[in-house]
């Protein structure tokens, strides 16, 4: 059974770490509910804007606009027939 260290540290059991998908450095939020403590992983927001996609993936080449993509789709479809 986990115990509280003199520094306030508690070892989280491995089965809970794996079940929650926690990694070293994961941020955790604690909430008191009566005499219980609720621990939850803090979910960070990820960049999800379309124009940020290449940066997220580490792509450094040139990009095209959505309009250029829309114009290229019919041309490519005809070429694939």
C-alpha atoms as a PDB file:
ATOM      1  CA  UNK A   1       0.000   0.000   0.000  1.00  0.00           C
ATOM      2  CA  UNK A   2       1.458   3.415  -0.945  1.00  0.00           C
ATOM      3  CA  UNK A   3       2.498   5.668   1.928  1.00  0.00           C
ATOM      4  CA  UNK A   4       3.153   9.402   2.186  1.00  0.00           C
ATOM      5  CA  UNK A   5       6.854  10.320   2.410  1.00  0.00           C
ATOM      6  CA  UNK A   6       8.214  13.067   4.651  1.00  0.00           C
ATOM      7  CA  UNK A   7       8.385  15.264   1.508  1.00  0.00           C
ATOM      8  CA  UNK A   8       4.729  14.662   0.591  1.00  0.00           C
ATOM      9  CA  UNK A   9       5.502  12.184  -2.184  1.00  0.00           C
ATOM     10  CA  UNK A  10       3.300   9.187  -2.913  1.00  0.00           C
ATOM     11  CA  UNK A  11       4.172   6.357  -5.291  1.00  0.00           C
ATOM     12  CA  UNK A  12       1.309   5.770  -7.731  1.00  0.00           C
ATOM     13  CA  UNK A  13       0.876   2.028  -8.350  1.00  0.00           C
ATOM     14  CA  UNK A  14       2.046   0.878 -11.787  1.00  0.00           C
ATOM     15  CA  UNK A  15      -1.354  -0.542 -12.751  1.00  0.00           C
ATOM     16  CA  UNK A  16      -2.948   2.900 -12.268  1.00  0.00           C
ATOM     17  CA  UNK A  17      -0.143   4.658 -14.157  1.00  0.00           C
ATOM     18  CA  UNK A  18      -0.626   2.311 -17.119  1.00  0.00           C
ATOM     19  CA  UNK A  19      -4.430   2.407 -16.986  1.00  0.00           C
ATOM     20  CA  UNK A  20      -4.403   6.220 -17.182  1.00  0.00           C
ATOM     21  CA  UNK A  21      -1.613   6.343 -19.764  1.00  0.00           C
ATOM     22  CA  UNK A  22       0.562   8.547 -17.558  1.00  0.00           C
ATOM     23  CA  UNK A  23       4.150   9.357 -18.480  1.00  0.00           C
ATOM     24  CA  UNK A  24       6.926  10.972 -16.447  1.00  0.00           C
ATOM     25  CA  UNK A  25       6.261  14.692 -16.225  1.00  0.00           C
ATOM     26  CA  UNK A  26       2.482  14.313 -16.596  1.00  0.00           C
ATOM     27  CA  UNK A  27       0.587  17.102 -14.871  1.00  0.00           C
ATOM     28  CA  UNK A  28      -1.880  15.982 -12.210  1.00  0.00           C
ATOM     29  CA  UNK A  29      -4.742  17.863 -10.575  1.00  0.00           C
ATOM     30  CA  UNK A  30      -5.884  17.076  -7.036  1.00  0.00           C
ATOM     31  CA  UNK A  31      -9.312  17.766  -5.598  1.00  0.00           C
ATOM     32  CA  UNK A  32     -10.552  17.225  -2.066  1.00  0.00           C
ATOM     33  CA  UNK A  33     -13.972  15.616  -1.692  1.00  0.00           C
ATOM     34  CA  UNK A  34     -14.721  15.194   1.993  1.00  0.00           C
ATOM     35  CA  UNK A  35     -12.030  12.937   3.391  1.00  0.00           C
ATOM     36  CA  UNK A  36     -11.057  11.655  -0.076  1.00  0.00           C
ATOM     37  CA  UNK A  37      -8.547  13.031  -2.578  1.00  0.00           C
ATOM     38  CA  UNK A  38      -9.353  12.781  -6.292  1.00  0.00           C
ATOM     39  CA  UNK A  39      -6.381  12.821  -8.662  1.00  0.00           C
ATOM     40  CA  UNK A  40      -6.897  13.490 -12.367  1.00  0.00           C
ATOM     41  CA  UNK A  41      -4.442  13.884 -15.236  1.00  0.00           C
ATOM     42  CA  UNK A  42      -4.501  17.425 -16.635  1.00  0.00           C
ATOM     43  CA  UNK A  43      -5.382  17.332 -20.307  1.00  0.00           C
ATOM     44  CA  UNK A  44      -3.401  19.832 -22.327  1.00  0.00           C
ATOM     45  CA  UNK A  45      -4.865  21.404 -25.416  1.00  0.00           C
ATOM     46  CA  UNK A  46      -3.104  20.498 -28.605  1.00  0.00           C
ATOM     47  CA  UNK A  47      -2.850  22.691 -31.660  1.00  0.00           C
ATOM     48  CA  UNK A  48      -5.508  21.531 -34.083  1.00  0.00           C
ATOM     49  CA  UNK A  49      -5.750  24.337 -36.617  1.00  0.00           C
ATOM     50  CA  UNK A  50      -5.356  23.160 -40.196  1.00  0.00           C
ATOM     51  CA  UNK A  51      -2.749  25.809 -40.971  1.00  0.00           C
ATOM     52  CA  UNK A  52      -0.613  24.571 -38.052  1.00  0.00           C
ATOM     53  CA  UNK A  53      -0.591  20.974 -39.330  1.00  0.00           C
ATOM     54  CA  UNK A  54       2.753  21.116 -41.135  1.00  0.00           C
ATOM     55  CA  UNK A  55       4.470  22.592 -38.068  1.00  0.00           C
ATOM     56  CA  UNK A  56       2.991  19.930 -35.811  1.00  0.00           C
ATOM     57  CA  UNK A  57       4.369  17.222 -38.089  1.00  0.00           C
ATOM     58  CA  UNK A  58       7.758  18.906 -38.436  1.00  0.00           C
ATOM     59  CA  UNK A  59       7.304  19.617 -42.155  1.00  0.00           C
ATOM     60  CA  UNK A  60       9.463  22.487 -43.404  1.00  0.00           C
ATOM     61  CA  UNK A  61       8.730  22.449 -47.153  1.00  0.00           C
ATOM     62  CA  UNK A  62       6.391  24.707 -49.091  1.00  0.00           C
ATOM     63  CA  UNK A  63       2.657  24.572 -48.467  1.00  0.00           C
ATOM     64  CA  UNK A  64      -0.414  25.167 -50.624  1.00  0.00           C
ATOM     65  CA  UNK A  65      -3.710  26.818 -49.822  1.00  0.00           C
ATOM     66  CA  UNK A  66      -7.011  24.965 -49.513  1.00  0.00           C
ATOM     67  CA  UNK A  67      -8.083  26.584 -52.773  1.00  0.00           C
ATOM     68  CA  UNK A  68      -5.018  25.170 -54.542  1.00  0.00           C
ATOM     69  CA  UNK A  69      -5.786  21.726 -53.108  1.00  0.00           C
ATOM     70  CA  UNK A  70      -9.415  21.952 -54.230  1.00  0.00           C
ATOM     71  CA  UNK A  71      -8.285  22.880 -57.751  1.00  0.00           C
ATOM     72  CA  UNK A  72      -5.798  19.993 -57.885  1.00  0.00           C
ATOM     73  CA  UNK A  73      -8.256  17.264 -56.833  1.00  0.00           C
ATOM     74  CA  UNK A  74     -10.260  17.082 -60.083  1.00  0.00           C
ATOM     75  CA  UNK A  75      -7.056  17.150 -62.179  1.00  0.00           C
ATOM     76  CA  UNK A  76      -5.557  14.307 -60.176  1.00  0.00           C
ATOM     77  CA  UNK A  77      -8.801  12.313 -60.318  1.00  0.00           C
ATOM     78  CA  UNK A  78      -8.851  12.518 -64.131  1.00  0.00           C
ATOM     79  CA  UNK A  79      -5.201  11.478 -64.345  1.00  0.00           C
ATOM     80  CA  UNK A  80      -5.798   8.413 -62.166  1.00  0.00           C
ATOM     81  CA  UNK A  81      -8.480   7.021 -64.542  1.00  0.00           C
END
